[in-house]
PDB file of N, CA and C in Angstrom:
ATOM      1  N   UNK A   1      -3.703  -9.523 -14.646  1.00  0.00           N
ATOM      2  CA  UNK A   1      -3.437  -8.236 -13.589  1.00  0.00           C
ATOM      3  C   UNK A   1      -2.575  -8.611 -12.566  1.00  0.00           C
ATOM      4  N   UNK A   2      -1.361  -7.921 -12.374  1.00  0.00           N
ATOM      5  CA  UNK A   2      -0.430  -8.105 -11.547  1.00  0.00           C
ATOM      6  C   UNK A   2      -1.112  -7.860 -10.005  1.00  0.00           C
ATOM      7  N   UNK A   3      -0.381  -8.221  -9.016  1.00  0.00           N
ATOM      8  CA  UNK A   3      -0.540  -7.975  -7.614  1.00  0.00           C
ATOM      9  C   UNK A   3      -0.615  -6.369  -7.251  1.00  0.00           C
ATOM     10  N   UNK A   4       0.535  -5.898  -7.974  1.00  0.00           N
ATOM     11  CA  UNK A   4       0.813  -4.526  -7.848  1.00  0.00           C
ATOM     12  C   UNK A   4      -0.511  -3.737  -8.299  1.00  0.00           C
ATOM     13  N   UNK A   5      -1.006  -4.066  -9.453  1.00  0.00           N
ATOM     14  CA  UNK A   5      -2.175  -3.514 -10.180  1.00  0.00           C
ATOM     15  C   UNK A   5      -3.400  -3.617  -9.357  1.00  0.00           C
ATOM     16  N   UNK A   6      -3.528  -4.897  -8.602  1.00  0.00           N
ATOM     17  CA  UNK A   6      -4.525  -5.060  -7.643  1.00  0.00           C
ATOM     18  C   UNK A   6      -4.562  -4.248  -6.486  1.00  0.00           C
ATOM     19  N   UNK A   7      -3.353  -4.065  -5.927  1.00  0.00           N
ATOM     20  CA  UNK A   7      -3.133  -3.006  -4.856  1.00  0.00           C
ATOM     21  C   UNK A   7      -3.577  -1.759  -5.160  1.00  0.00           C
ATOM     22  N   UNK A   8      -2.984  -1.226  -6.365  1.00  0.00           N
ATOM     23  CA  UNK A   8      -3.564   0.115  -6.925  1.00  0.00           C
ATOM     24  C   UNK A   8      -4.847   0.248  -7.028  1.00  0.00           C
ATOM     25  N   UNK A   9      -5.376  -0.719  -7.767  1.00  0.00           N
ATOM     26  CA  UNK A   9      -6.931  -0.596  -7.908  1.00  0.00           C
ATOM     27  C   UNK A   9      -7.742  -0.506  -6.796  1.00  0.00           C
ATOM     28  N   UNK A  10      -7.396  -1.334  -5.779  1.00  0.00           N
ATOM     29  CA  UNK A  10      -8.175  -1.361  -4.437  1.00  0.00           C
ATOM     30  C   UNK A  10      -8.014   0.011  -3.840  1.00  0.00           C
ATOM     31  N   UNK A  11      -6.830   0.378  -3.749  1.00  0.00           N
ATOM     32  CA  UNK A  11      -6.518   1.886  -3.234  1.00  0.00           C
ATOM     33  C   UNK A  11      -7.202   2.963  -3.951  1.00  0.00           C
ATOM     34  N   UNK A  12      -7.323   2.903  -5.134  1.00  0.00           N
ATOM     35  CA  UNK A  12      -8.035   3.881  -5.968  1.00  0.00           C
ATOM     36  C   UNK A  12      -9.492   3.940  -5.522  1.00  0.00           C
ATOM     37  N   UNK A  13      -9.979   2.628  -5.544  1.00  0.00           N
ATOM     38  CA  UNK A  13     -11.561   2.608  -5.263  1.00  0.00           C
ATOM     39  C   UNK A  13     -11.902   2.945  -3.753  1.00  0.00           C
ATOM     40  N   UNK A  14     -10.984   2.549  -2.812  1.00  0.00           N
ATOM     41  CA  UNK A  14     -11.173   2.774  -1.349  1.00  0.00           C
ATOM     42  C   UNK A  14     -10.948   4.498  -1.244  1.00  0.00           C
ATOM     43  N   UNK A  15      -9.986   5.042  -1.701  1.00  0.00           N
ATOM     44  CA  UNK A  15      -9.564   6.433  -1.224  1.00  0.00           C
ATOM     45  C   UNK A  15      -9.683   7.613  -2.208  1.00  0.00           C
ATOM     46  N   UNK A  16     -10.080   7.308  -3.549  1.00  0.00           N
ATOM     47  CA  UNK A  16     -10.023   8.262  -4.475  1.00  0.00           C
ATOM     48  C   UNK A  16      -8.801   9.069  -4.355  1.00  0.00           C
ATOM     49  N   UNK A  17      -7.619   8.780  -4.489  1.00  0.00           N
ATOM     50  CA  UNK A  17      -6.383   9.475  -3.938  1.00  0.00           C
ATOM     51  C   UNK A  17      -6.124  10.569  -5.099  1.00  0.00           C
ATOM     52  N   UNK A  18      -5.619  11.556  -4.500  1.00  0.00           N
ATOM     53  CA  UNK A  18      -5.046  12.680  -5.340  1.00  0.00           C
ATOM     54  C   UNK A  18      -3.717  12.176  -5.986  1.00  0.00           C
ATOM     55  N   UNK A  19      -3.000  11.489  -5.341  1.00  0.00           N
ATOM     56  CA  UNK A  19      -1.853  10.972  -5.959  1.00  0.00           C
ATOM     57  C   UNK A  19      -1.622   9.510  -5.306  1.00  0.00           C
ATOM     58  N   UNK A  20      -1.047   8.535  -5.997  1.00  0.00           N
ATOM     59  CA  UNK A  20      -0.752   7.107  -5.677  1.00  0.00           C
ATOM     60  C   UNK A  20       0.487   6.660  -6.377  1.00  0.00           C
ATOM     61  N   UNK A  21       1.384   6.075  -5.833  1.00  0.00           N
ATOM     62  CA  UNK A  21       2.511   5.233  -6.557  1.00  0.00           C
ATOM     63  C   UNK A  21       2.626   3.958  -5.662  1.00  0.00           C
ATOM     64  N   UNK A  22       2.414   2.982  -6.562  1.00  0.00           N
ATOM     65  CA  UNK A  22       2.683   1.725  -5.712  1.00  0.00           C
ATOM     66  C   UNK A  22       3.792   1.078  -6.475  1.00  0.00           C
ATOM     67  N   UNK A  23       4.979   0.747  -5.789  1.00  0.00           N
ATOM     68  CA  UNK A  23       6.123   0.168  -6.299  1.00  0.00           C
ATOM     69  C   UNK A  23       6.193  -1.262  -5.936  1.00  0.00           C
ATOM     70  N   UNK A  24       6.644  -2.143  -6.782  1.00  0.00           N
ATOM     71  CA  UNK A  24       6.924  -3.688  -6.551  1.00  0.00           C
ATOM     72  C   UNK A  24       8.358  -3.778  -6.339  1.00  0.00           C
ATOM     73  N   UNK A  25       8.829  -3.881  -5.184  1.00  0.00           N
ATOM     74  CA  UNK A  25      10.223  -4.001  -4.767  1.00  0.00           C
ATOM     75  C   UNK A  25      10.717  -5.655  -4.695  1.00  0.00           C
ATOM     76  N   UNK A  26       9.805  -6.504  -4.935  1.00  0.00           N
ATOM     77  CA  UNK A  26      10.013  -7.917  -4.724  1.00  0.00           C
ATOM     78  C   UNK A  26      11.352  -8.235  -5.273  1.00  0.00           C
ATOM     79  N   UNK A  27      11.791  -7.783  -6.516  1.00  0.00           N
ATOM     80  CA  UNK A  27      12.983  -8.154  -7.117  1.00  0.00           C
ATOM     81  C   UNK A  27      14.228  -7.955  -6.410  1.00  0.00           C
ATOM     82  N   UNK A  28      14.087  -7.060  -5.447  1.00  0.00           N
ATOM     83  CA  UNK A  28      15.277  -6.803  -4.507  1.00  0.00           C
ATOM     84  C   UNK A  28      15.520  -7.807  -3.328  1.00  0.00           C
ATOM     85  N   UNK A  29      14.507  -8.617  -3.092  1.00  0.00           N
ATOM     86  CA  UNK A  29      14.341  -9.563  -2.103  1.00  0.00           C
ATOM     87  C   UNK A  29      14.316 -11.064  -2.455  1.00  0.00           C
ATOM     88  N   UNK A  30      14.812 -11.242  -3.693  1.00  0.00           N
ATOM     89  CA  UNK A  30      14.863 -12.763  -4.046  1.00  0.00           C
ATOM     90  C   UNK A  30      15.823 -13.337  -3.518  1.00  0.00           C
ATOM     91  N   UNK A  31      15.552 -14.553  -2.953  1.00  0.00           N
ATOM     92  CA  UNK A  31      16.365 -15.314  -2.147  1.00  0.00           C
ATOM     93  C   UNK A  31      16.480 -15.410  -0.706  1.00  0.00           C
ATOM     94  N   UNK A  32      15.745 -14.254  -0.135  1.00  0.00           N
ATOM     95  CA  UNK A  32      15.661 -14.482   1.442  1.00  0.00           C
ATOM     96  C   UNK A  32      14.252 -15.001   1.708  1.00  0.00           C
ATOM     97  N   UNK A  33      14.250 -15.577   2.888  1.00  0.00           N
ATOM     98  CA  UNK A  33      13.139 -16.520   3.322  1.00  0.00           C
ATOM     99  C   UNK A  33      11.833 -15.660   2.979  1.00  0.00           C
ATOM    100  N   UNK A  34      11.512 -14.595   3.336  1.00  0.00           N
ATOM    101  CA  UNK A  34      10.217 -14.126   3.180  1.00  0.00           C
ATOM    102  C   UNK A  34       9.751 -13.772   1.757  1.00  0.00           C
ATOM    103  N   UNK A  35      10.955 -13.840   0.773  1.00  0.00           N
ATOM    104  CA  UNK A  35      10.460 -13.735  -0.563  1.00  0.00           C
ATOM    105  C   UNK A  35       9.549 -14.855  -1.096  1.00  0.00           C
ATOM    106  N   UNK A  36       9.501 -15.846  -0.350  1.00  0.00           N
ATOM    107  CA  UNK A  36       8.714 -17.040  -0.925  1.00  0.00           C
ATOM    108  C   UNK A  36       7.242 -16.998  -0.377  1.00  0.00           C
ATOM    109  N   UNK A  37       6.952 -16.038   0.595  1.00  0.00           N
ATOM    110  CA  UNK A  37       5.629 -16.018   1.058  1.00  0.00           C
ATOM    111  C   UNK A  37       4.814 -14.904   0.702  1.00  0.00           C
ATOM    112  N   UNK A  38       5.349 -13.925  -0.352  1.00  0.00           N
ATOM    113  CA  UNK A  38       4.607 -12.850  -0.939  1.00  0.00           C
ATOM    114  C   UNK A  38       5.652 -11.901  -1.392  1.00  0.00           C
ATOM    115  N   UNK A  39       5.080 -10.873  -2.100  1.00  0.00           N
ATOM    116  CA  UNK A  39       5.861  -9.714  -2.561  1.00  0.00           C
ATOM    117  C   UNK A  39       6.053  -8.624  -1.493  1.00  0.00           C
ATOM    118  N   UNK A  40       6.882  -7.818  -2.075  1.00  0.00           N
ATOM    119  CA  UNK A  40       7.383  -6.415  -1.134  1.00  0.00           C
ATOM    120  C   UNK A  40       6.921  -5.420  -2.095  1.00  0.00           C
ATOM    121  N   UNK A  41       6.163  -4.359  -1.290  1.00  0.00           N
ATOM    122  CA  UNK A  41       5.650  -3.348  -2.033  1.00  0.00           C
ATOM    123  C   UNK A  41       5.862  -2.156  -1.308  1.00  0.00           C
ATOM    124  N   UNK A  42       5.688  -0.783  -1.953  1.00  0.00           N
ATOM    125  CA  UNK A  42       5.911   0.442  -1.473  1.00  0.00           C
ATOM    126  C   UNK A  42       4.560   1.219  -1.900  1.00  0.00           C
ATOM    127  N   UNK A  43       3.987   1.830  -0.979  1.00  0.00           N
ATOM    128  CA  UNK A  43       2.771   2.710  -1.327  1.00  0.00           C
ATOM    129  C   UNK A  43       2.976   4.134  -1.050  1.00  0.00           C
ATOM    130  N   UNK A  44       2.753   4.918  -1.798  1.00  0.00           N
ATOM    131  CA  UNK A  44       2.612   6.561  -1.449  1.00  0.00           C
ATOM    132  C   UNK A  44       1.311   6.773  -1.740  1.00  0.00           C
ATOM    133  N   UNK A  45       0.580   7.215  -0.968  1.00  0.00           N
ATOM    134  CA  UNK A  45      -0.825   7.644  -1.109  1.00  0.00           C
ATOM    135  C   UNK A  45      -1.304   9.047  -0.461  1.00  0.00           C
ATOM    136  N   UNK A  46      -1.670   9.799  -1.425  1.00  0.00           N
ATOM    137  CA  UNK A  46      -2.254  11.211  -0.715  1.00  0.00           C
ATOM    138  C   UNK A  46      -3.830  11.212  -1.181  1.00  0.00           C
ATOM    139  N   UNK A  47      -4.497  11.213   0.142  1.00  0.00           N
ATOM    140  CA  UNK A  47      -5.847  11.280   0.132  1.00  0.00           C
ATOM    141  C   UNK A  47      -6.525  12.185   1.042  1.00  0.00           C
ATOM    142  N   UNK A  48      -7.711  12.579   0.837  1.00  0.00           N
ATOM    143  CA  UNK A  48      -8.276  13.493   1.720  1.00  0.00           C
ATOM    144  C   UNK A  48      -8.786  12.701   2.870  1.00  0.00           C
ATOM    145  N   UNK A  49      -9.149  11.308   2.701  1.00  0.00           N
ATOM    146  CA  UNK A  49      -9.661  10.362   3.813  1.00  0.00           C
ATOM    147  C   UNK A  49      -8.675  10.306   5.003  1.00  0.00           C
ATOM    148  N   UNK A  50      -7.459  10.748   4.797  1.00  0.00           N
ATOM    149  CA  UNK A  50      -6.504  10.564   5.791  1.00  0.00           C
ATOM    150  C   UNK A  50      -6.417  11.710   6.699  1.00  0.00           C
ATOM    151  N   UNK A  51      -6.863  12.962   6.321  1.00  0.00           N
ATOM    152  CA  UNK A  51      -6.979  14.158   7.084  1.00  0.00           C
ATOM    153  C   UNK A  51      -7.581  13.758   8.451  1.00  0.00           C
ATOM    154  N   UNK A  52      -6.789  14.214   9.596  1.00  0.00           N
ATOM    155  CA  UNK A  52      -7.306  14.083  10.893  1.00  0.00           C
ATOM    156  C   UNK A  52      -7.051  12.697  11.621  1.00  0.00           C
ATOM    157  N   UNK A  53      -6.584  11.995  10.820  1.00  0.00           N
ATOM    158  CA  UNK A  53      -6.094  10.596  11.302  1.00  0.00           C
ATOM    159  C   UNK A  53      -4.696  10.485  11.707  1.00  0.00           C
ATOM    160  N   UNK A  54      -4.367   9.701  12.783  1.00  0.00           N
ATOM    161  CA  UNK A  54      -2.916   9.480  13.113  1.00  0.00           C
ATOM    162  C   UNK A  54      -2.154   8.584  12.072  1.00  0.00           C
ATOM    163  N   UNK A  55      -0.819   8.653  12.295  1.00  0.00           N
ATOM    164  CA  UNK A  55      -0.117   7.741  11.179  1.00  0.00           C
ATOM    165  C   UNK A  55      -0.502   6.086  11.515  1.00  0.00           C
ATOM    166  N   UNK A  56      -0.676   5.768  12.650  1.00  0.00           N
ATOM    167  CA  UNK A  56      -1.157   4.307  12.953  1.00  0.00           C
ATOM    168  C   UNK A  56      -2.550   4.237  12.212  1.00  0.00           C
ATOM    169  N   UNK A  57      -3.613   4.988  12.460  1.00  0.00           N
ATOM    170  CA  UNK A  57      -4.707   4.847  11.785  1.00  0.00           C
ATOM    171  C   UNK A  57      -4.901   4.829  10.429  1.00  0.00           C
ATOM    172  N   UNK A  58      -3.900   5.756   9.675  1.00  0.00           N
ATOM    173  CA  UNK A  58      -3.596   5.770   8.267  1.00  0.00           C
ATOM    174  C   UNK A  58      -3.333   4.320   7.788  1.00  0.00           C
ATOM    175  N   UNK A  59      -2.134   3.893   8.461  1.00  0.00           N
ATOM    176  CA  UNK A  59      -1.724   2.433   7.983  1.00  0.00           C
ATOM    177  C   UNK A  59      -2.848   1.587   8.286  1.00  0.00           C
ATOM    178  N   UNK A  60      -3.626   1.483   9.259  1.00  0.00           N
ATOM    179  CA  UNK A  60      -4.804   0.481   9.375  1.00  0.00           C
ATOM    180  C   UNK A  60      -5.809   0.629   8.441  1.00  0.00           C
ATOM    181  N   UNK A  61      -6.018   1.829   7.991  1.00  0.00           N
ATOM    182  CA  UNK A  61      -7.108   2.004   6.766  1.00  0.00           C
ATOM    183  C   UNK A  61      -6.504   1.394   5.594  1.00  0.00           C
ATOM    184  N   UNK A  62      -5.177   1.678   5.264  1.00  0.00           N
ATOM    185  CA  UNK A  62      -4.465   0.987   3.991  1.00  0.00           C
ATOM    186  C   UNK A  62      -4.592  -0.465   4.285  1.00  0.00           C
ATOM    187  N   UNK A  63      -4.239  -0.987   5.303  1.00  0.00           N
ATOM    188  CA  UNK A  63      -4.167  -2.522   5.540  1.00  0.00           C
ATOM    189  C   UNK A  63      -5.643  -3.011   5.434  1.00  0.00           C
ATOM    190  N   UNK A  64      -6.450  -2.385   6.010  1.00  0.00           N
ATOM    191  CA  UNK A  64      -7.859  -2.761   5.734  1.00  0.00           C
ATOM    192  C   UNK A  64      -8.407  -2.928   4.269  1.00  0.00           C
ATOM    193  N   UNK A  65      -7.935  -1.808   3.658  1.00  0.00           N
ATOM    194  CA  UNK A  65      -8.392  -1.734   2.063  1.00  0.00           C
ATOM    195  C   UNK A  65      -7.729  -2.833   1.425  1.00  0.00           C
ATOM    196  N   UNK A  66      -6.555  -3.405   1.816  1.00  0.00           N
ATOM    197  CA  UNK A  66      -5.770  -4.417   1.273  1.00  0.00           C
ATOM    198  C   UNK A  66      -5.943  -5.890   1.673  1.00  0.00           C
ATOM    199  N   UNK A  67      -7.072  -6.048   2.683  1.00  0.00           N
ATOM    200  CA  UNK A  67      -7.121  -7.209   3.520  1.00  0.00           C
ATOM    201  C   UNK A  67      -7.206  -8.326   2.549  1.00  0.00           C
ATOM    202  N   UNK A  68      -7.979  -8.515   1.462  1.00  0.00           N
ATOM    203  CA  UNK A  68      -8.111  -9.655   0.594  1.00  0.00           C
ATOM    204  C   UNK A  68      -6.808  -9.980  -0.098  1.00  0.00           C
ATOM    205  N   UNK A  69      -5.953  -9.006  -0.191  1.00  0.00           N
ATOM    206  CA  UNK A  69      -4.759  -9.480  -0.742  1.00  0.00           C
ATOM    207  C   UNK A  69      -3.576  -9.739   0.127  1.00  0.00           C
ATOM    208  N   UNK A  70      -3.752  -9.631   1.449  1.00  0.00           N
ATOM    209  CA  UNK A  70      -2.627  -9.555   2.415  1.00  0.00           C
ATOM    210  C   UNK A  70      -1.913 -10.925   2.296  1.00  0.00           C
ATOM    211  N   UNK A  71      -2.520 -12.159   2.052  1.00  0.00           N
ATOM    212  CA  UNK A  71      -1.879 -13.307   2.136  1.00  0.00           C
ATOM    213  C   UNK A  71      -0.782 -13.507   0.993  1.00  0.00           C
ATOM    214  N   UNK A  72      -0.869 -12.555  -0.093  1.00  0.00           N
ATOM    215  CA  UNK A  72       0.162 -12.443  -0.930  1.00  0.00           C
ATOM    216  C   UNK A  72       1.304 -11.207  -0.713  1.00  0.00           C
ATOM    217  N   UNK A  73       1.052 -10.630   0.287  1.00  0.00           N
ATOM    218  CA  UNK A  73       1.982  -9.597   0.441  1.00  0.00           C
ATOM    219  C   UNK A  73       2.652  -9.700   1.724  1.00  0.00           C
ATOM    220  N   UNK A  74       3.976  -9.990   1.470  1.00  0.00           N
ATOM    221  CA  UNK A  74       4.977 -10.238   2.622  1.00  0.00           C
ATOM    222  C   UNK A  74       5.538  -8.873   3.387  1.00  0.00           C
ATOM    223  N   UNK A  75       5.654  -7.753   2.685  1.00  0.00           N
ATOM    224  CA  UNK A  75       6.182  -6.593   3.341  1.00  0.00           C
ATOM    225  C   UNK A  75       5.533  -5.540   2.429  1.00  0.00           C
ATOM    226  N   UNK A  76       5.037  -4.399   3.307  1.00  0.00           N
ATOM    227  CA  UNK A  76       4.412  -3.301   2.648  1.00  0.00           C
ATOM    228  C   UNK A  76       4.952  -1.920   3.454  1.00  0.00           C
ATOM    229  N   UNK A  77       5.488  -1.077   2.651  1.00  0.00           N
ATOM    230  CA  UNK A  77       6.034   0.155   3.249  1.00  0.00           C
ATOM    231  C   UNK A  77       5.088   1.193   2.846  1.00  0.00           C
ATOM    232  N   UNK A  78       4.397   1.889   3.749  1.00  0.00           N
ATOM    233  CA  UNK A  78       3.184   2.774   3.418  1.00  0.00           C
ATOM    234  C   UNK A  78       3.642   4.305   3.856  1.00  0.00           C
ATOM    235  N   UNK A  79       3.396   5.223   3.061  1.00  0.00           N
ATOM    236  CA  UNK A  79       3.571   6.488   3.264  1.00  0.00           C
ATOM    237  C   UNK A  79       2.026   7.097   2.907  1.00  0.00           C
ATOM    238  N   UNK A  80       1.031   7.431   3.966  1.00  0.00           N
ATOM    239  CA  UNK A  80      -0.212   7.902   3.640  1.00  0.00           C
ATOM    240  C   UNK A  80      -0.278   9.248   4.214  1.00  0.00           C
ATOM    241  N   UNK A  81      -0.652  10.054   3.320  1.00  0.00           N
ATOM    242  CA  UNK A  81      -0.754  11.554   3.582  1.00  0.00           C
ATOM    243  C   UNK A  81      -2.004  12.238   3.173  1.00  0.00           C
ATOM    244  N   UNK A  82      -2.381  13.351   3.747  1.00  0.00           N
ATOM    245  CA  UNK A  82      -3.431  14.268   3.539  1.00  0.00           C
ATOM    246  C   UNK A  82      -2.942  15.305   2.601  1.00  0.00           C
ATOM    247  N   UNK A  83      -3.733  15.589   1.636  1.00  0.00           N
ATOM    248  CA  UNK A  83      -3.297  16.803   0.690  1.00  0.00           C
ATOM    249  C   UNK A  83      -2.765  17.772   1.379  1.00  0.00           C
ATOM    250  N   UNK A  84      -1.599  18.346   1.008  1.00  0.00           N
ATOM    251  CA  UNK A  84      -0.898  19.530   1.494  1.00  0.00           C
ATOM    252  C   UNK A  84       0.224  18.973   2.382  1.00  0.00           C
ATOM    253  N   UNK A  85       0.208  17.623   2.830  1.00  0.00           N
ATOM    254  CA  UNK A  85       1.278  17.249   3.874  1.00  0.00           C
ATOM    255  C   UNK A  85       2.652  16.921   3.112  1.00  0.00           C
ATOM    256  N   UNK A  86       2.755  16.846   1.936  1.00  0.00           N
ATOM    257  CA  UNK A  86       3.915  16.443   1.182  1.00  0.00           C
ATOM    258  C   UNK A  86       4.936  17.542   1.476  1.00  0.00           C
TER     259      UNK A  86
END
């Protein structure tokens, strides 16, 4: 299982999202210093659990869910929405 798959699985378990897209952008960063310390990922997640939370809180919730994987993630772009916010 790839790290992208692990990220997706953890987010599905934690948030039961209505929509989830996890992109691995690591190939775009090959050769720069940060590429050696982990991958670059983009997350779009739409889940009821984000309703009523600030943007910062939503990001913290995602980071907390991914805590066991963070040593392998160099960069993470997050778009976390409640249903209807798209």
